[in-house]
Amino acid sequence: MTMLNVGNGQTIVFQDNRTLRTVLYDAVVGRGRSKQLVSNYLRWAGVNWVDAVFISHQHDDHYNNLLGVQNYFLVKQIIYNNTKLTRIRFGGMKFTVLHRWINDSDENNNSLVVLVEINNTKILLTGDITQKIELNLLEQDLTTATLLQVAHHGSVTSSNLLFLQRIKPMFCFISGEKTKQQKYPAATVLQNLQAVNCQIYFTGGKRNLQFHIIDKKTVLKLF
């Protein structure tokens, strides 16, 4: 799994090197970034086609490079947040939809929440959901996760402490960068993440975050 340094936005790439399957969760390049950033990374990583792209919700900072990816790669399936899909497998990667479009007036709350299972490792993808949806998810049989994609780029709207205490993530990945207009991640969010003792990593406009799952071992790389 790679969380790309796309500036203010989010693009996450999953690759199963054994079966040559590739799945994206969101497809974005932030302001001032090359429109070929995502495609260039995919080519560098040896990708020949993309099996699926999950679009978490209909905000520009989560899908504005979808066409850019399609210009360079065959994208076999696009899964939007109004999907009726419950679960789907690509090679050794299983994706389970825990939350989808609910016609909420706040589009962030319509984000696809997806649990990814690779071997015995679980990764929780939350899009931009707010604390309202985080608390709703607590009513489900929500399991712990090794890695959490911190919701809404680390905004104060999200990362409820009760939710984090249920997930108990070892690693927390945040996509975004600090600008004059946007102060991500919020101090209160960092406090909540620290309270559950997760290791916090932020792209910050500077680096990609990569999480390797090899059998039962996990390896973190920053580049």
Protein backbone atom coordinates (compact mmCIF):
# COMPACT_ATOMS: atom_id res chain seq x y z
CA MET A 1 0.00 0.00 0.00
CA THR A 2 1.30 3.45 -0.93
CA MET A 3 -0.19 6.79 0.14
CA LEU A 4 1.15 9.16 -2.50
CA ASN A 5 2.39 12.65 -1.73
CA VAL A 6 -0.20 14.51 -3.80
CA GLY A 7 -0.46 17.68 -1.69
CA ASN A 8 -3.93 18.50 -0.43
CA GLY A 9 -5.89 15.51 -1.58
CA GLN A 10 -5.56 11.76 -1.40
CA THR A 11 -4.44 8.89 -3.60
CA ILE A 12 -3.78 5.43 -2.17
CA VAL A 13 -2.42 2.58 -4.28
CA PHE A 14 -2.71 -1.11 -3.41
CA GLN A 15 -0.62 -3.65 -5.30
CA ASP A 16 -0.52 -7.42 -5.01
CA ASN A 17 2.81 -8.26 -6.59
CA ARG A 18 2.06 -11.99 -6.65
CA THR A 19 -1.07 -11.68 -8.78
CA LEU A 20 -0.26 -8.32 -10.44
CA ARG A 21 -3.49 -6.73 -9.20
CA THR A 22 -3.69 -2.97 -8.63
CA VAL A 23 -6.45 -1.05 -6.85
CA LEU A 24 -6.69 2.68 -6.08
CA TYR A 25 -8.63 4.36 -3.31
CA ASP A 26 -9.21 7.89 -4.66
CA ALA A 27 -7.25 9.42 -7.53
CA VAL A 28 -6.06 12.98 -7.03
CA VAL A 29 -3.27 15.42 -7.62
CA GLY A 30 -3.26 18.56 -5.49
CA ARG A 31 -2.83 22.12 -6.67
CA GLY A 32 0.58 22.84 -8.15
CA ARG A 33 1.36 19.14 -8.73
CA SER A 34 1.93 17.49 -12.10
CA LYS A 35 -1.24 15.98 -13.56
CA GLN A 36 0.86 12.94 -14.43
CA LEU A 37 2.00 12.39 -10.82
CA VAL A 38 -0.22 9.37 -10.17
CA SER A 39 0.28 7.85 -13.61
CA ASN A 40 4.03 8.35 -13.40
CA TYR A 41 4.12 6.52 -10.08
CA LEU A 42 2.04 3.65 -11.45
CA ARG A 43 4.36 3.27 -14.44
CA TRP A 44 7.40 3.41 -12.15
CA ALA A 45 5.81 0.69 -9.98
CA GLY A 46 5.39 -1.57 -13.01
CA VAL A 47 1.61 -1.30 -13.30
CA ASN A 48 0.15 -2.21 -16.71
CA TRP A 49 -3.54 -1.83 -15.86
CA VAL A 50 -5.70 -0.88 -12.89
CA ASP A 51 -8.22 -3.43 -11.68
CA ALA A 52 -10.40 -0.94 -9.79
CA VAL A 53 -10.59 2.60 -8.48
CA PHE A 54 -12.69 3.31 -5.39
CA ILE A 55 -13.87 6.94 -5.35
CA SER A 56 -14.61 7.68 -1.71
CA HIS A 57 -16.95 10.61 -2.38
CA GLN A 58 -17.76 13.42 -4.77
CA HIS A 59 -15.29 16.07 -3.67
CA ASP A 60 -12.70 17.25 -6.17
CA ASP A 61 -9.77 16.54 -3.86
CA HIS A 62 -10.61 12.83 -4.02
CA TYR A 63 -11.26 12.19 -7.72
CA ASN A 64 -9.83 15.01 -9.88
CA ASN A 65 -7.17 12.78 -11.48
CA LEU A 66 -9.38 9.83 -12.37
CA LEU A 67 -9.46 10.80 -16.04
CA GLY A 68 -5.72 11.35 -15.93
CA VAL A 69 -5.23 7.76 -14.80
CA GLN A 70 -7.67 6.52 -17.44
CA ASN A 71 -5.71 8.35 -20.14
CA TYR A 72 -2.68 6.14 -19.45
CA PHE A 73 -4.14 2.90 -18.08
CA LEU A 74 -7.04 0.58 -18.67
CA VAL A 75 -9.22 0.95 -15.56
CA LYS A 76 -11.38 -2.16 -15.40
CA GLN A 77 -13.81 -0.97 -12.72
CA ILE A 78 -14.75 2.28 -10.99
CA ILE A 79 -16.52 1.89 -7.65
CA TYR A 80 -18.36 5.03 -6.53
CA ASN A 81 -19.75 5.78 -3.10
CA ASN A 82 -23.30 4.79 -4.12
CA THR A 83 -22.20 1.23 -4.88
CA LYS A 84 -24.30 -1.68 -3.67
CA LEU A 85 -21.14 -3.76 -3.48
CA THR A 86 -20.47 -5.36 -0.10
CA ARG A 87 -17.13 -7.04 -0.70
CA ILE A 88 -14.76 -7.79 -3.55
CA ARG A 89 -11.41 -9.54 -3.83
CA PHE A 90 -8.46 -8.72 -6.05
CA GLY A 91 -5.78 -11.40 -5.76
CA GLY A 92 -4.82 -11.62 -2.11
CA MET A 93 -6.55 -8.34 -1.21
CA LYS A 94 -10.11 -8.37 0.16
CA PHE A 95 -12.10 -5.11 0.23
CA THR A 96 -15.24 -4.85 2.41
CA VAL A 97 -17.51 -1.79 2.26
CA LEU A 98 -18.58 -0.73 5.76
CA HIS A 99 -20.28 2.57 4.87
CA ARG A 100 -21.49 4.20 1.66
CA TRP A 101 -23.61 7.06 0.33
CA ILE A 102 -26.49 7.86 2.69
CA ASN A 103 -27.70 11.10 1.07
CA ASP A 104 -26.21 13.15 3.91
CA SER A 105 -26.18 16.91 3.34
CA ASP A 106 -22.47 16.84 4.17
CA GLU A 107 -20.85 14.95 1.29
CA ASN A 108 -17.96 13.99 3.56
CA ASN A 109 -20.37 11.72 5.43
CA ASN A 110 -21.20 9.93 2.18
CA SER A 111 -17.62 8.66 1.95
CA LEU A 112 -16.97 5.01 1.22
CA VAL A 113 -15.46 3.39 4.29
CA VAL A 114 -13.56 0.29 3.24
CA LEU A 115 -11.80 -2.39 5.26
CA VAL A 116 -8.89 -3.93 3.36
CA GLU A 117 -7.60 -7.32 4.49
CA ILE A 118 -4.26 -8.61 3.23
CA ASN A 119 -3.12 -11.83 4.90
CA ASN A 120 -3.80 -11.10 8.59
CA THR A 121 -3.30 -7.34 8.25
CA LYS A 122 -6.28 -4.97 8.25
CA ILE A 123 -6.28 -1.45 6.82
CA LEU A 124 -9.23 0.90 7.40
CA LEU A 125 -9.94 3.56 4.75
CA THR A 126 -12.28 6.31 5.91
CA GLY A 127 -12.32 9.01 3.22
CA ASP A 128 -13.51 12.25 4.80
CA ILE A 129 -16.12 10.95 7.26
CA THR A 130 -16.82 13.11 10.30
CA GLN A 131 -17.22 12.03 13.90
CA LYS A 132 -20.93 11.49 13.25
CA ILE A 133 -20.20 8.54 10.96
CA GLU A 134 -17.30 7.33 13.09
CA LEU A 135 -19.72 6.97 16.01
CA ASN A 136 -22.28 5.26 13.76
CA LEU A 137 -19.62 2.74 12.77
CA LEU A 138 -19.17 1.84 16.43
CA GLU A 139 -22.63 0.26 16.28
CA GLN A 140 -21.26 -2.27 13.78
CA ASP A 141 -19.04 -5.18 14.69
CA LEU A 142 -16.00 -3.03 13.95
CA THR A 143 -12.66 -4.74 14.40
CA THR A 144 -9.24 -3.39 15.20
CA ALA A 145 -6.97 -2.40 12.31
CA THR A 146 -3.22 -2.36 11.91
CA LEU A 147 -3.30 0.81 9.81
CA LEU A 148 -5.81 3.66 9.73
CA GLN A 149 -6.20 6.24 6.99
CA VAL A 150 -7.00 9.21 9.20
CA ALA A 151 -10.27 10.77 8.06
CA HIS A 152 -10.54 14.17 6.35
CA HIS A 153 -6.77 14.75 6.14
CA GLY A 154 -6.52 15.06 9.92
CA SER A 155 -9.22 17.73 10.18
CA VAL A 156 -10.81 18.57 13.54
CA THR A 157 -14.13 17.29 12.13
CA SER A 158 -12.97 13.71 12.54
CA SER A 159 -10.92 11.21 14.59
CA ASN A 160 -13.25 10.79 17.56
CA LEU A 161 -11.38 9.29 20.50
CA LEU A 162 -13.97 6.54 21.11
CA PHE A 163 -13.66 5.50 17.47
CA LEU A 164 -9.88 5.41 17.68
CA GLN A 165 -10.01 3.40 20.89
CA ARG A 166 -12.10 0.76 19.10
CA ILE A 167 -9.81 0.61 16.05
CA LYS A 168 -6.56 0.64 18.07
CA PRO A 169 -4.39 1.35 15.02
CA MET A 170 -0.65 0.73 15.16
CA PHE A 171 -0.04 3.10 12.24
CA CYS A 172 -1.96 6.24 11.24
CA PHE A 173 -1.46 7.70 7.75
CA ILE A 174 -2.53 11.27 6.97
CA SER A 175 -2.61 12.73 3.45
CA GLY A 176 -2.33 16.50 3.06
CA GLU A 177 -0.09 19.47 3.68
CA LYS A 178 -0.20 22.63 5.74
CA THR A 179 -1.02 25.84 3.87
CA LYS A 180 -2.21 29.29 4.88
CA GLN A 181 -5.79 28.15 4.28
CA GLN A 182 -5.58 24.62 5.70
CA LYS A 183 -3.93 23.63 8.95
CA TYR A 184 -3.77 19.85 8.70
CA PRO A 185 -3.48 17.82 10.83
CA ALA A 186 -5.33 19.54 13.69
CA ALA A 187 -3.69 19.60 17.12
CA THR A 188 -6.69 17.90 18.75
CA VAL A 189 -6.55 15.10 16.19
CA LEU A 190 -2.86 14.53 16.90
CA GLN A 191 -3.66 14.40 20.62
CA ASN A 192 -6.33 11.75 20.04
CA LEU A 193 -4.02 9.69 17.84
CA GLN A 194 -1.25 9.91 20.42
CA ALA A 195 -3.72 8.83 23.11
CA VAL A 196 -4.14 5.45 21.36
CA ASN A 197 -0.37 5.12 20.86
CA CYS A 198 -0.38 4.88 17.08
CA GLN A 199 2.64 5.83 14.99
CA ILE A 200 1.63 8.94 13.02
CA TYR A 201 2.86 9.58 9.47
CA PHE A 202 1.93 12.64 7.38
CA THR A 203 2.71 13.10 3.69
CA GLY A 204 3.02 16.82 4.39
CA GLY A 205 3.78 17.71 0.79
CA LYS A 206 7.16 16.03 1.22
CA ARG A 207 7.03 12.23 1.07
CA ASN A 208 5.16 9.10 0.05
CA LEU A 209 4.15 6.62 2.73
CA GLN A 210 4.50 2.95 1.86
CA PHE A 211 3.37 -0.07 3.85
CA HIS A 212 4.61 -3.49 2.75
CA ILE A 213 2.83 -6.66 3.86
CA ILE A 214 4.99 -9.74 3.36
CA ASP A 215 3.31 -12.86 4.72
CA LYS A 216 2.77 -11.94 8.39
CA LYS A 217 5.41 -9.19 8.46
CA THR A 218 4.91 -5.49 7.81
CA VAL A 219 7.56 -3.00 6.70
CA LEU A 220 7.16 0.78 6.57
CA LYS A 221 9.04 2.89 4.00
CA LEU A 222 9.11 6.66 3.46
CA PHE A 223 10.34 8.07 0.16
